[in-house]
């Protein structure tokens, strides 16, 4: 009888150790997955932000290039007019 009680107690302790050992691993694994998902979301958000900023900067650069081209043409026109005026005098 005493041996049976010891065997049952040992089985209960072993069973409790297995259950308690699995529970933290399961929770840790779930926590790891949640942490990884959060990190992936943060990376995706940063990539999206960087892409948007790149598009904005590209648009600004294009506008600046257009403005420089217009100003360059205006300068060339003024230089041509000035040359014509000098040649007439």
C-alpha atoms as a PDB file:
ATOM      1  CA  UNK A   1       0.000   0.000   0.000  1.00  0.00           C
ATOM      2  CA  UNK A   2       2.762   2.376   0.948  1.00  0.00           C
ATOM      3  CA  UNK A   3       4.591   1.569  -2.308  1.00  0.00           C
ATOM      4  CA  UNK A   4       1.439   2.308  -4.287  1.00  0.00           C
ATOM      5  CA  UNK A   5       1.088   5.688  -2.588  1.00  0.00           C
ATOM      6  CA  UNK A   6       4.745   6.513  -3.327  1.00  0.00           C
ATOM      7  CA  UNK A   7       4.346   5.466  -6.960  1.00  0.00           C
ATOM      8  CA  UNK A   8       1.186   7.561  -7.332  1.00  0.00           C
ATOM      9  CA  UNK A   9       2.871  10.531  -5.632  1.00  0.00           C
ATOM     10  CA  UNK A  10       5.891  10.202  -7.911  1.00  0.00           C
ATOM     11  CA  UNK A  11       3.598   9.980 -10.940  1.00  0.00           C
ATOM     12  CA  UNK A  12       1.686  13.055  -9.766  1.00  0.00           C
ATOM     13  CA  UNK A  13       4.919  15.008  -9.250  1.00  0.00           C
ATOM     14  CA  UNK A  14       6.233  13.895 -12.642  1.00  0.00           C
ATOM     15  CA  UNK A  15       2.922  14.781 -14.286  1.00  0.00           C
ATOM     16  CA  UNK A  16       2.903  18.191 -12.609  1.00  0.00           C
ATOM     17  CA  UNK A  17       6.493  18.784 -13.731  1.00  0.00           C
ATOM     18  CA  UNK A  18       5.601  17.893 -17.314  1.00  0.00           C
ATOM     19  CA  UNK A  19       2.512  20.117 -17.299  1.00  0.00           C
ATOM     20  CA  UNK A  20       4.310  23.008 -15.642  1.00  0.00           C
ATOM     21  CA  UNK A  21       7.260  22.537 -17.989  1.00  0.00           C
ATOM     22  CA  UNK A  22       5.026  22.678 -21.073  1.00  0.00           C
ATOM     23  CA  UNK A  23       3.002  25.655 -19.935  1.00  0.00           C
ATOM     24  CA  UNK A  24       5.888  28.144 -19.736  1.00  0.00           C
ATOM     25  CA  UNK A  25       7.337  26.835 -22.996  1.00  0.00           C
ATOM     26  CA  UNK A  26       3.964  27.247 -24.682  1.00  0.00           C
ATOM     27  CA  UNK A  27       3.555  30.742 -23.253  1.00  0.00           C
ATOM     28  CA  UNK A  28       7.159  31.619 -24.116  1.00  0.00           C
ATOM     29  CA  UNK A  29       6.652  30.340 -27.642  1.00  0.00           C
ATOM     30  CA  UNK A  30       3.484  32.399 -28.003  1.00  0.00           C
ATOM     31  CA  UNK A  31       5.283  35.417 -26.562  1.00  0.00           C
ATOM     32  CA  UNK A  32       8.110  34.850 -29.028  1.00  0.00           C
ATOM     33  CA  UNK A  33       5.659  34.734 -31.927  1.00  0.00           C
ATOM     34  CA  UNK A  34       3.899  37.894 -30.765  1.00  0.00           C
ATOM     35  CA  UNK A  35       7.250  39.647 -30.347  1.00  0.00           C
ATOM     36  CA  UNK A  36       8.318  38.548 -33.828  1.00  0.00           C
ATOM     37  CA  UNK A  37       5.035  39.744 -35.337  1.00  0.00           C
ATOM     38  CA  UNK A  38       5.435  43.110 -33.628  1.00  0.00           C
ATOM     39  CA  UNK A  39       8.986  43.378 -34.941  1.00  0.00           C
ATOM     40  CA  UNK A  40       7.796  42.515 -38.455  1.00  0.00           C
ATOM     41  CA  UNK A  41       5.055  45.127 -38.208  1.00  0.00           C
ATOM     42  CA  UNK A  42       7.581  47.729 -37.108  1.00  0.00           C
ATOM     43  CA  UNK A  43       9.871  46.798 -40.018  1.00  0.00           C
ATOM     44  CA  UNK A  44       6.977  46.969 -42.465  1.00  0.00           C
ATOM     45  CA  UNK A  45       5.920  50.344 -41.091  1.00  0.00           C
ATOM     46  CA  UNK A  46       9.472  51.666 -41.402  1.00  0.00           C
ATOM     47  CA  UNK A  47       9.787  50.325 -44.964  1.00  0.00           C
ATOM     48  CA  UNK A  48       6.477  51.903 -45.931  1.00  0.00           C
ATOM     49  CA  UNK A  49       7.526  55.208 -44.408  1.00  0.00           C
ATOM     50  CA  UNK A  50      10.876  55.078 -46.198  1.00  0.00           C
ATOM     51  CA  UNK A  51       9.156  54.316 -49.509  1.00  0.00           C
ATOM     52  CA  UNK A  52       6.752  57.203 -49.062  1.00  0.00           C
ATOM     53  CA  UNK A  53       9.572  59.575 -48.164  1.00  0.00           C
ATOM     54  CA  UNK A  54      11.527  58.412 -51.209  1.00  0.00           C
ATOM     55  CA  UNK A  55       8.567  59.119 -53.489  1.00  0.00           C
ATOM     56  CA  UNK A  56       8.135  62.554 -51.936  1.00  0.00           C
ATOM     57  CA  UNK A  57      11.814  63.396 -52.340  1.00  0.00           C
ATOM     58  CA  UNK A  58      11.783  62.181 -55.934  1.00  0.00           C
ATOM     59  CA  UNK A  59       8.799  64.417 -56.683  1.00  0.00           C
ATOM     60  CA  UNK A  60      10.490  67.398 -55.063  1.00  0.00           C
ATOM     61  CA  UNK A  61      13.655  66.754 -57.046  1.00  0.00           C
ATOM     62  CA  UNK A  62      11.664  66.583 -60.263  1.00  0.00           C
ATOM     63  CA  UNK A  63       9.969  69.900 -59.497  1.00  0.00           C
ATOM     64  CA  UNK A  64      13.301  71.511 -58.699  1.00  0.00           C
ATOM     65  CA  UNK A  65      14.809  70.231 -61.947  1.00  0.00           C
ATOM     66  CA  UNK A  66      11.867  71.671 -63.870  1.00  0.00           C
ATOM     67  CA  UNK A  67      12.246  75.007 -62.120  1.00  0.00           C
ATOM     68  CA  UNK A  68      15.977  75.078 -62.870  1.00  0.00           C
ATOM     69  CA  UNK A  69      15.259  74.316 -66.542  1.00  0.00           C
ATOM     70  CA  UNK A  70      12.757  77.201 -66.723  1.00  0.00           C
ATOM     71  CA  UNK A  71      15.182  79.592 -65.033  1.00  0.00           C
ATOM     72  CA  UNK A  72      17.990  78.475 -67.322  1.00  0.00           C
ATOM     73  CA  UNK A  73      15.836  79.172 -70.384  1.00  0.00           C
ATOM     74  CA  UNK A  74      14.917  82.575 -68.988  1.00  0.00           C
ATOM     75  CA  UNK A  75      18.583  83.375 -68.390  1.00  0.00           C
ATOM     76  CA  UNK A  76      19.457  82.328 -71.931  1.00  0.00           C
ATOM     77  CA  UNK A  77      16.685  84.561 -73.289  1.00  0.00           C
ATOM     78  CA  UNK A  78      17.892  87.535 -71.257  1.00  0.00           C
ATOM     79  CA  UNK A  79      21.480  86.908 -72.354  1.00  0.00           C
ATOM     80  CA  UNK A  80      20.376  86.778 -75.994  1.00  0.00           C
ATOM     81  CA  UNK A  81      18.406  90.002 -75.662  1.00  0.00           C
ATOM     82  CA  UNK A  82      21.324  91.691 -73.953  1.00  0.00           C
ATOM     83  CA  UNK A  83      23.665  90.591 -76.736  1.00  0.00           C
ATOM     84  CA  UNK A  84      21.262  91.956 -79.346  1.00  0.00           C
ATOM     85  CA  UNK A  85      20.991  95.281 -77.489  1.00  0.00           C
ATOM     86  CA  UNK A  86      24.784  95.549 -77.226  1.00  0.00           C
ATOM     87  CA  UNK A  87      25.224  94.833 -80.912  1.00  0.00           C
ATOM     88  CA  UNK A  88      22.702  97.542 -81.835  1.00  0.00           C
ATOM     89  CA  UNK A  89      24.590 100.218 -79.902  1.00  0.00           C
END
